[in-house]
Amino acid sequence: MTPLSPSMTVRLVGVPMDLGSGRRGVDMGPSAIRIAGVTQGLQDLGFRVEDDGDVGVPAPESRAPGDERVRYLEPIYHVCNRLRLRVRRSLDQGEIPVVLGGDHSIAIGTVAGVSEHFREKGQKVGLIWVDAHGDMNTPDSSPTGNVHGMPLAATLGMGHPLLVQMGGFWPKVDPANVCLIGIRDVDEGERRNIRASGIHAYTMRDVDERGMRAIMEECVGFAAAGTAGFHVSFDLDGMDPRDVPGTGTPVKGGISWREANLLMEMVSDSGRMTSLEITELNPILDVKNQSGEVAVDVILSAFGKRIL
């Protein structure tokens, strides 16, 4: 993997998914990020930008939730599978896919597509996952049945077979190459899953005590070790609600605006990012698209935006 070059094409893919969450609104997230200027910002950095539009997502009102332990399983599977194919095709064409969410269940499709692309080359991919929550529930451990609390578990091979086996192989990533940063709201069953999984998990206490720089130095090392590079899955609720009021599941005491930009600047410095997704932006709860502008800011930092 070579550092990102402005001669490369960035492929935007919107996924207005809110089937995986318990609250409406995140389906408007992709539009809010576009309105906040993500295309122009990337073009100003020298990148060619192609917008793939949105993956079609049915409204929750048009479908029955089905099994309450894993709500809207079938439509979520079909949306994520279509996303998998788009992400894989973008990478096959030498592009950098940037997925705009939508709730975090979309990561099941994004990571499947990234992993499949590199698997066919005989390579592995790492994963840096930024989130207030562990996203490591399964249908057996989840207190809500909402799939946006399950995507990291699914990529690691835990959970409902329909989600775990997407693309015909599992797990999608090796736990030794996975870093989870910013957690501060974790269910009891999920806590056991995280501890047993073998991933590298960093709580907000770790961020407070050690600082983002030290944590990211470790995470880049773990995610890049023996891999072709790493995917970054950034849930905006990983940040503090004072900076990002427009997210569906806010948790006080999160990553600050400056820490988030440092995280992404160090991702950029590494030259190892293969792909990126931003999730859980809820414009209904936002203030003058403040959170949409923050989303664009962290995306641009990952693509090389600098102060000087």
Protein backbone atom coordinates (compact mmCIF):
# COMPACT_ATOMS: atom_id res chain seq x y z
CA MET A 1 0.00 0.00 0.00
CA THR A 2 1.40 3.39 -1.00
CA PRO A 3 0.39 6.73 0.53
CA LEU A 4 -2.77 8.27 -0.88
CA SER A 5 -2.04 10.34 -3.95
CA PRO A 6 -4.21 13.23 -5.10
CA SER A 7 -4.15 11.60 -8.53
CA MET A 8 -6.37 8.83 -7.10
CA THR A 9 -10.15 8.76 -7.40
CA VAL A 10 -12.33 8.85 -4.30
CA ARG A 11 -15.63 7.04 -4.78
CA LEU A 12 -18.44 8.30 -2.51
CA VAL A 13 -21.18 5.80 -1.70
CA GLY A 14 -24.18 6.85 0.38
CA VAL A 15 -26.13 4.31 2.43
CA PRO A 16 -29.21 5.98 3.98
CA MET A 17 -29.73 3.10 6.38
CA ASP A 18 -31.71 3.40 9.57
CA LEU A 19 -33.03 -0.15 9.78
CA GLY A 20 -30.29 -1.10 12.23
CA SER A 21 -31.00 1.60 14.79
CA GLY A 22 -33.88 2.25 17.13
CA ARG A 23 -34.31 5.88 16.12
CA ARG A 24 -35.20 7.52 12.82
CA GLY A 25 -33.06 10.21 11.17
CA VAL A 26 -29.68 8.71 10.31
CA ASP A 27 -31.04 7.90 6.84
CA MET A 28 -30.46 11.60 6.10
CA GLY A 29 -26.81 11.43 7.13
CA PRO A 30 -25.35 10.94 3.62
CA SER A 31 -27.20 14.01 2.33
CA ALA A 32 -26.02 16.13 5.27
CA ILE A 33 -22.38 15.18 4.64
CA ARG A 34 -22.72 16.01 0.96
CA ILE A 35 -24.39 19.34 1.78
CA ALA A 36 -21.52 20.14 4.17
CA GLY A 37 -19.13 20.04 1.22
CA VAL A 38 -17.31 16.72 1.23
CA THR A 39 -16.91 16.64 -2.56
CA GLN A 40 -15.51 20.15 -2.83
CA GLY A 41 -13.22 19.57 0.15
CA LEU A 42 -11.69 16.46 -1.40
CA GLN A 43 -11.35 18.20 -4.75
CA ASP A 44 -9.56 21.10 -3.04
CA LEU A 45 -7.03 18.53 -1.77
CA GLY A 46 -6.48 17.47 -5.39
CA PHE A 47 -8.51 14.27 -5.50
CA ARG A 48 -10.86 13.30 -8.30
CA VAL A 49 -14.25 12.57 -6.77
CA GLU A 50 -16.98 10.35 -8.20
CA ASP A 51 -20.29 10.20 -6.34
CA ASP A 52 -21.97 6.82 -6.72
CA GLY A 53 -25.23 8.08 -5.28
CA ASP A 54 -27.03 6.02 -2.65
CA VAL A 55 -27.60 2.32 -2.17
CA GLY A 56 -31.36 1.80 -2.04
CA VAL A 57 -32.74 1.20 1.47
CA PRO A 58 -36.39 0.38 2.26
CA ALA A 59 -38.15 2.45 4.90
CA PRO A 60 -38.67 0.64 8.21
CA GLU A 61 -42.41 1.30 7.94
CA SER A 62 -42.52 -0.79 4.76
CA ARG A 63 -41.05 -3.93 6.36
CA ALA A 64 -41.84 -6.08 9.36
CA PRO A 65 -38.96 -6.14 11.89
CA GLY A 66 -39.04 -9.94 12.09
CA ASP A 67 -37.04 -11.63 14.82
CA GLU A 68 -36.84 -9.20 17.75
CA ARG A 69 -33.34 -10.50 18.59
CA VAL A 70 -32.03 -9.24 15.22
CA ARG A 71 -34.47 -6.69 13.85
CA TYR A 72 -34.85 -6.12 10.10
CA LEU A 73 -32.29 -8.84 9.41
CA GLU A 74 -33.34 -9.61 5.83
CA PRO A 75 -33.44 -6.05 4.43
CA ILE A 76 -30.22 -5.14 6.28
CA TYR A 77 -28.54 -8.16 4.72
CA HIS A 78 -29.63 -7.19 1.20
CA VAL A 79 -28.55 -3.55 1.58
CA CYS A 80 -25.18 -4.56 3.01
CA ASN A 81 -24.64 -7.13 0.29
CA ARG A 82 -25.26 -4.51 -2.42
CA LEU A 83 -22.85 -2.20 -0.59
CA ARG A 84 -20.27 -5.00 -0.45
CA LEU A 85 -20.32 -5.27 -4.24
CA ARG A 86 -19.97 -1.52 -4.75
CA VAL A 87 -17.05 -1.25 -2.32
CA ARG A 88 -15.25 -4.21 -3.84
CA ARG A 89 -15.74 -2.86 -7.37
CA SER A 90 -14.34 0.54 -6.34
CA LEU A 91 -11.21 -1.05 -4.89
CA ASP A 92 -10.87 -3.33 -7.93
CA GLN A 93 -10.78 -0.15 -10.05
CA GLY A 94 -7.96 1.32 -7.96
CA GLU A 95 -10.18 3.84 -6.19
CA ILE A 96 -10.62 4.77 -2.53
CA PRO A 97 -14.19 4.09 -1.42
CA VAL A 98 -15.67 6.46 1.16
CA VAL A 99 -19.00 5.23 2.52
CA LEU A 100 -21.41 7.76 4.01
CA GLY A 101 -23.96 6.42 6.51
CA GLY A 102 -26.53 5.70 7.77
CA ASP A 103 -26.40 3.61 10.90
CA HIS A 104 -23.35 1.52 11.72
CA SER A 105 -24.87 -1.75 10.51
CA ILE A 106 -23.62 -0.71 7.06
CA ALA A 107 -20.09 -1.62 8.16
CA ILE A 108 -21.00 -5.28 7.70
CA GLY A 109 -21.19 -4.63 3.96
CA THR A 110 -18.29 -2.20 3.76
CA VAL A 111 -15.79 -4.41 5.57
CA ALA A 112 -16.97 -7.46 3.61
CA GLY A 113 -16.23 -5.67 0.34
CA VAL A 114 -12.82 -4.41 1.46
CA SER A 115 -11.81 -7.78 2.86
CA GLU A 116 -13.00 -9.63 -0.24
CA HIS A 117 -10.95 -7.41 -2.55
CA PHE A 118 -7.73 -8.08 -0.67
CA ARG A 119 -8.52 -11.73 0.02
CA GLU A 120 -8.55 -12.39 -3.71
CA LYS A 121 -5.00 -11.02 -3.80
CA GLY A 122 -3.95 -13.32 -0.97
CA GLN A 123 -3.79 -10.41 1.48
CA LYS A 124 -5.40 -9.44 4.78
CA VAL A 125 -6.85 -6.11 5.82
CA GLY A 126 -6.76 -4.38 9.21
CA LEU A 127 -9.52 -2.38 10.85
CA ILE A 128 -9.59 0.79 12.98
CA TRP A 129 -13.04 1.22 14.53
CA VAL A 130 -13.93 4.47 16.33
CA ASP A 131 -17.06 4.30 18.47
CA ALA A 132 -18.64 5.09 21.84
CA HIS A 133 -20.06 1.56 21.80
CA GLY A 134 -18.45 -1.83 21.36
CA ASP A 135 -20.70 -2.91 18.46
CA MET A 136 -19.85 -6.44 19.60
CA ASN A 137 -23.30 -7.72 20.46
CA THR A 138 -24.85 -10.80 18.90
CA PRO A 139 -28.55 -11.71 18.69
CA ASP A 140 -28.04 -13.69 21.91
CA SER A 141 -26.42 -10.83 23.86
CA SER A 142 -28.14 -7.73 22.47
CA PRO A 143 -30.64 -6.05 24.82
CA THR A 144 -32.39 -4.32 21.89
CA GLY A 145 -32.00 -6.52 18.82
CA ASN A 146 -30.73 -3.48 16.88
CA VAL A 147 -28.17 -4.58 14.30
CA HIS A 148 -26.16 -1.34 14.55
CA GLY A 149 -24.88 -2.80 17.83
CA MET A 150 -23.61 -5.95 16.09
CA PRO A 151 -21.43 -5.08 13.05
CA LEU A 152 -17.97 -5.46 14.60
CA ALA A 153 -18.94 -8.85 16.01
CA ALA A 154 -20.20 -9.92 12.58
CA THR A 155 -16.96 -8.96 10.85
CA LEU A 156 -15.11 -11.07 13.43
CA GLY A 157 -17.32 -14.11 12.75
CA MET A 158 -19.77 -13.79 15.66
CA GLY A 159 -23.51 -13.41 15.25
CA HIS A 160 -26.24 -14.37 12.82
CA PRO A 161 -24.91 -16.57 9.97
CA LEU A 162 -26.58 -14.39 7.31
CA LEU A 163 -24.46 -11.42 8.38
CA VAL A 164 -21.32 -13.32 9.37
CA GLN A 165 -21.10 -15.30 6.12
CA MET A 166 -21.69 -12.43 3.71
CA GLY A 167 -19.49 -12.91 0.65
CA GLY A 168 -19.03 -16.59 1.44
CA PHE A 169 -16.11 -16.33 3.89
CA TRP A 170 -15.55 -15.41 7.52
CA PRO A 171 -14.15 -13.88 9.59
CA LYS A 172 -13.50 -10.78 7.50
CA VAL A 173 -10.62 -9.57 9.66
CA ASP A 174 -8.09 -11.08 12.06
CA PRO A 175 -8.75 -9.83 15.63
CA ALA A 176 -5.03 -9.12 16.03
CA ASN A 177 -5.38 -6.44 13.32
CA VAL A 178 -8.47 -4.78 14.84
CA CYS A 179 -8.45 -1.69 17.08
CA LEU A 180 -11.55 -0.28 18.79
CA ILE A 181 -11.10 3.29 20.02
CA GLY A 182 -13.22 5.53 22.25
CA ILE A 183 -15.62 3.08 23.90
CA ARG A 184 -17.49 4.24 27.01
CA ASP A 185 -20.95 2.64 26.80
CA VAL A 186 -20.73 -1.17 26.67
CA ASP A 187 -23.38 -3.81 27.44
CA GLU A 188 -22.45 -6.63 29.83
CA GLY A 189 -22.65 -9.42 27.24
CA GLU A 190 -20.78 -7.23 24.80
CA ARG A 191 -18.03 -6.68 27.37
CA ARG A 192 -17.47 -10.43 27.53
CA ASN A 193 -17.39 -10.64 23.73
CA ILE A 194 -14.79 -7.87 23.50
CA ARG A 195 -12.54 -9.47 26.11
CA ALA A 196 -12.78 -12.89 24.47
CA SER A 197 -12.30 -11.65 20.90
CA GLY A 198 -8.61 -10.77 20.96
CA ILE A 199 -9.06 -7.29 19.48
CA HIS A 200 -7.23 -4.24 20.84
CA ALA A 201 -9.81 -2.12 22.69
CA TYR A 202 -9.13 1.41 23.99
CA THR A 203 -11.64 3.01 26.34
CA MET A 204 -12.02 6.74 26.92
CA ARG A 205 -10.04 6.24 30.13
CA ASP A 206 -7.17 4.99 27.96
CA VAL A 207 -7.51 8.09 25.78
CA ASP A 208 -7.52 10.31 28.87
CA GLU A 209 -4.52 8.63 30.50
CA ARG A 210 -2.34 7.94 27.47
CA GLY A 211 -3.39 10.47 24.86
CA MET A 212 -4.54 9.96 21.29
CA ARG A 213 -1.04 10.08 19.82
CA ALA A 214 0.26 7.09 21.79
CA ILE A 215 -2.90 5.10 21.12
CA MET A 216 -2.84 5.79 17.37
CA GLU A 217 0.84 4.88 17.11
CA GLU A 218 -0.09 1.48 18.54
CA CYS A 219 -3.24 1.11 16.48
CA VAL A 220 -1.59 1.88 13.17
CA GLY A 221 1.03 -0.72 14.05
CA PHE A 222 -1.55 -3.37 14.95
CA ALA A 223 -3.84 -2.67 11.98
CA ALA A 224 -0.99 -2.56 9.46
CA ALA A 225 0.95 -5.60 10.73
CA GLY A 226 0.99 -8.21 7.96
CA THR A 227 -1.88 -6.53 6.10
CA ALA A 228 -2.32 -4.65 2.84
CA GLY A 229 -3.55 -1.68 4.86
CA PHE A 230 -6.58 -0.93 6.99
CA HIS A 231 -10.17 0.23 6.72
CA VAL A 232 -11.35 3.02 9.04
CA SER A 233 -14.91 2.81 10.35
CA PHE A 234 -15.73 6.05 12.16
CA ASP A 235 -18.96 6.30 14.14
CA LEU A 236 -19.62 9.96 14.92
CA ASP A 237 -20.97 9.02 18.36
CA GLY A 238 -17.36 8.22 19.23
CA MET A 239 -16.95 11.97 19.52
CA ASP A 240 -18.25 14.13 22.33
CA PRO A 241 -21.86 15.32 21.89
CA ARG A 242 -20.73 18.89 22.49
CA ASP A 243 -18.86 18.71 19.18
CA VAL A 244 -21.29 16.35 17.44
CA PRO A 245 -24.84 16.92 18.71
CA GLY A 246 -26.36 15.26 15.65
CA THR A 247 -25.90 11.59 16.38
CA GLY A 248 -28.56 9.06 17.29
CA THR A 249 -26.86 7.51 20.32
CA PRO A 250 -24.84 10.26 22.05
CA VAL A 251 -22.71 9.43 25.08
CA LYS A 252 -21.07 12.14 27.18
CA GLY A 253 -17.31 12.26 27.58
CA GLY A 254 -16.20 11.33 24.09
CA ILE A 255 -13.33 12.09 21.74
CA SER A 256 -12.87 15.81 21.21
CA TRP A 257 -12.87 17.57 17.85
CA ARG A 258 -9.11 18.01 18.06
CA GLU A 259 -8.45 14.40 19.12
CA ALA A 260 -10.59 13.16 16.22
CA ASN A 261 -8.61 15.22 13.76
CA LEU A 262 -5.31 14.03 15.23
CA LEU A 263 -6.54 10.44 14.91
CA MET A 264 -7.35 10.98 11.24
CA GLU A 265 -4.17 12.96 10.56
CA MET A 266 -2.15 10.01 11.88
CA VAL A 267 -4.19 7.68 9.66
CA SER A 268 -3.20 9.89 6.74
CA ASP A 269 0.46 10.02 7.82
CA SER A 270 0.59 6.23 7.83
CA GLY A 271 -0.30 5.94 4.15
CA ARG A 272 -2.06 2.66 4.93
CA MET A 273 -5.76 3.57 4.78
CA THR A 274 -7.55 1.53 2.12
CA SER A 275 -11.05 2.87 2.63
CA LEU A 276 -13.20 4.89 5.02
CA GLU A 277 -16.75 5.13 6.30
CA ILE A 278 -18.54 7.69 8.46
CA THR A 279 -21.73 6.63 10.22
CA GLU A 280 -24.54 7.62 12.61
CA LEU A 281 -25.01 11.27 11.60
CA ASN A 282 -28.59 12.25 12.49
CA PRO A 283 -29.49 15.68 11.05
CA ILE A 284 -32.81 15.74 12.96
CA LEU A 285 -30.82 16.13 16.19
CA ASP A 286 -28.15 18.42 14.73
CA VAL A 287 -27.68 22.18 15.04
CA LYS A 288 -27.25 23.99 11.70
CA ASN A 289 -25.50 20.91 10.24
CA GLN A 290 -22.66 21.31 12.76
CA SER A 291 -22.17 17.54 12.89
CA GLY A 292 -22.18 17.29 9.10
CA GLU A 293 -19.39 19.83 8.98
CA VAL A 294 -17.42 17.88 11.61
CA ALA A 295 -17.89 14.72 9.54
CA VAL A 296 -16.41 16.46 6.51
CA ASP A 297 -13.57 17.81 8.63
CA VAL A 298 -12.49 14.37 9.86
CA ILE A 299 -12.81 12.88 6.37
CA LEU A 300 -10.54 15.58 4.96
CA SER A 301 -7.99 15.03 7.75
CA ALA A 302 -7.80 11.36 6.74
CA PHE A 303 -7.07 12.48 3.19
CA GLY A 304 -4.23 14.81 4.07
CA LYS A 305 -5.72 18.14 5.11
CA ARG A 306 -3.17 20.01 7.20
CA ILE A 307 -2.99 23.19 9.23
CA LEU A 308 0.24 24.23 7.46
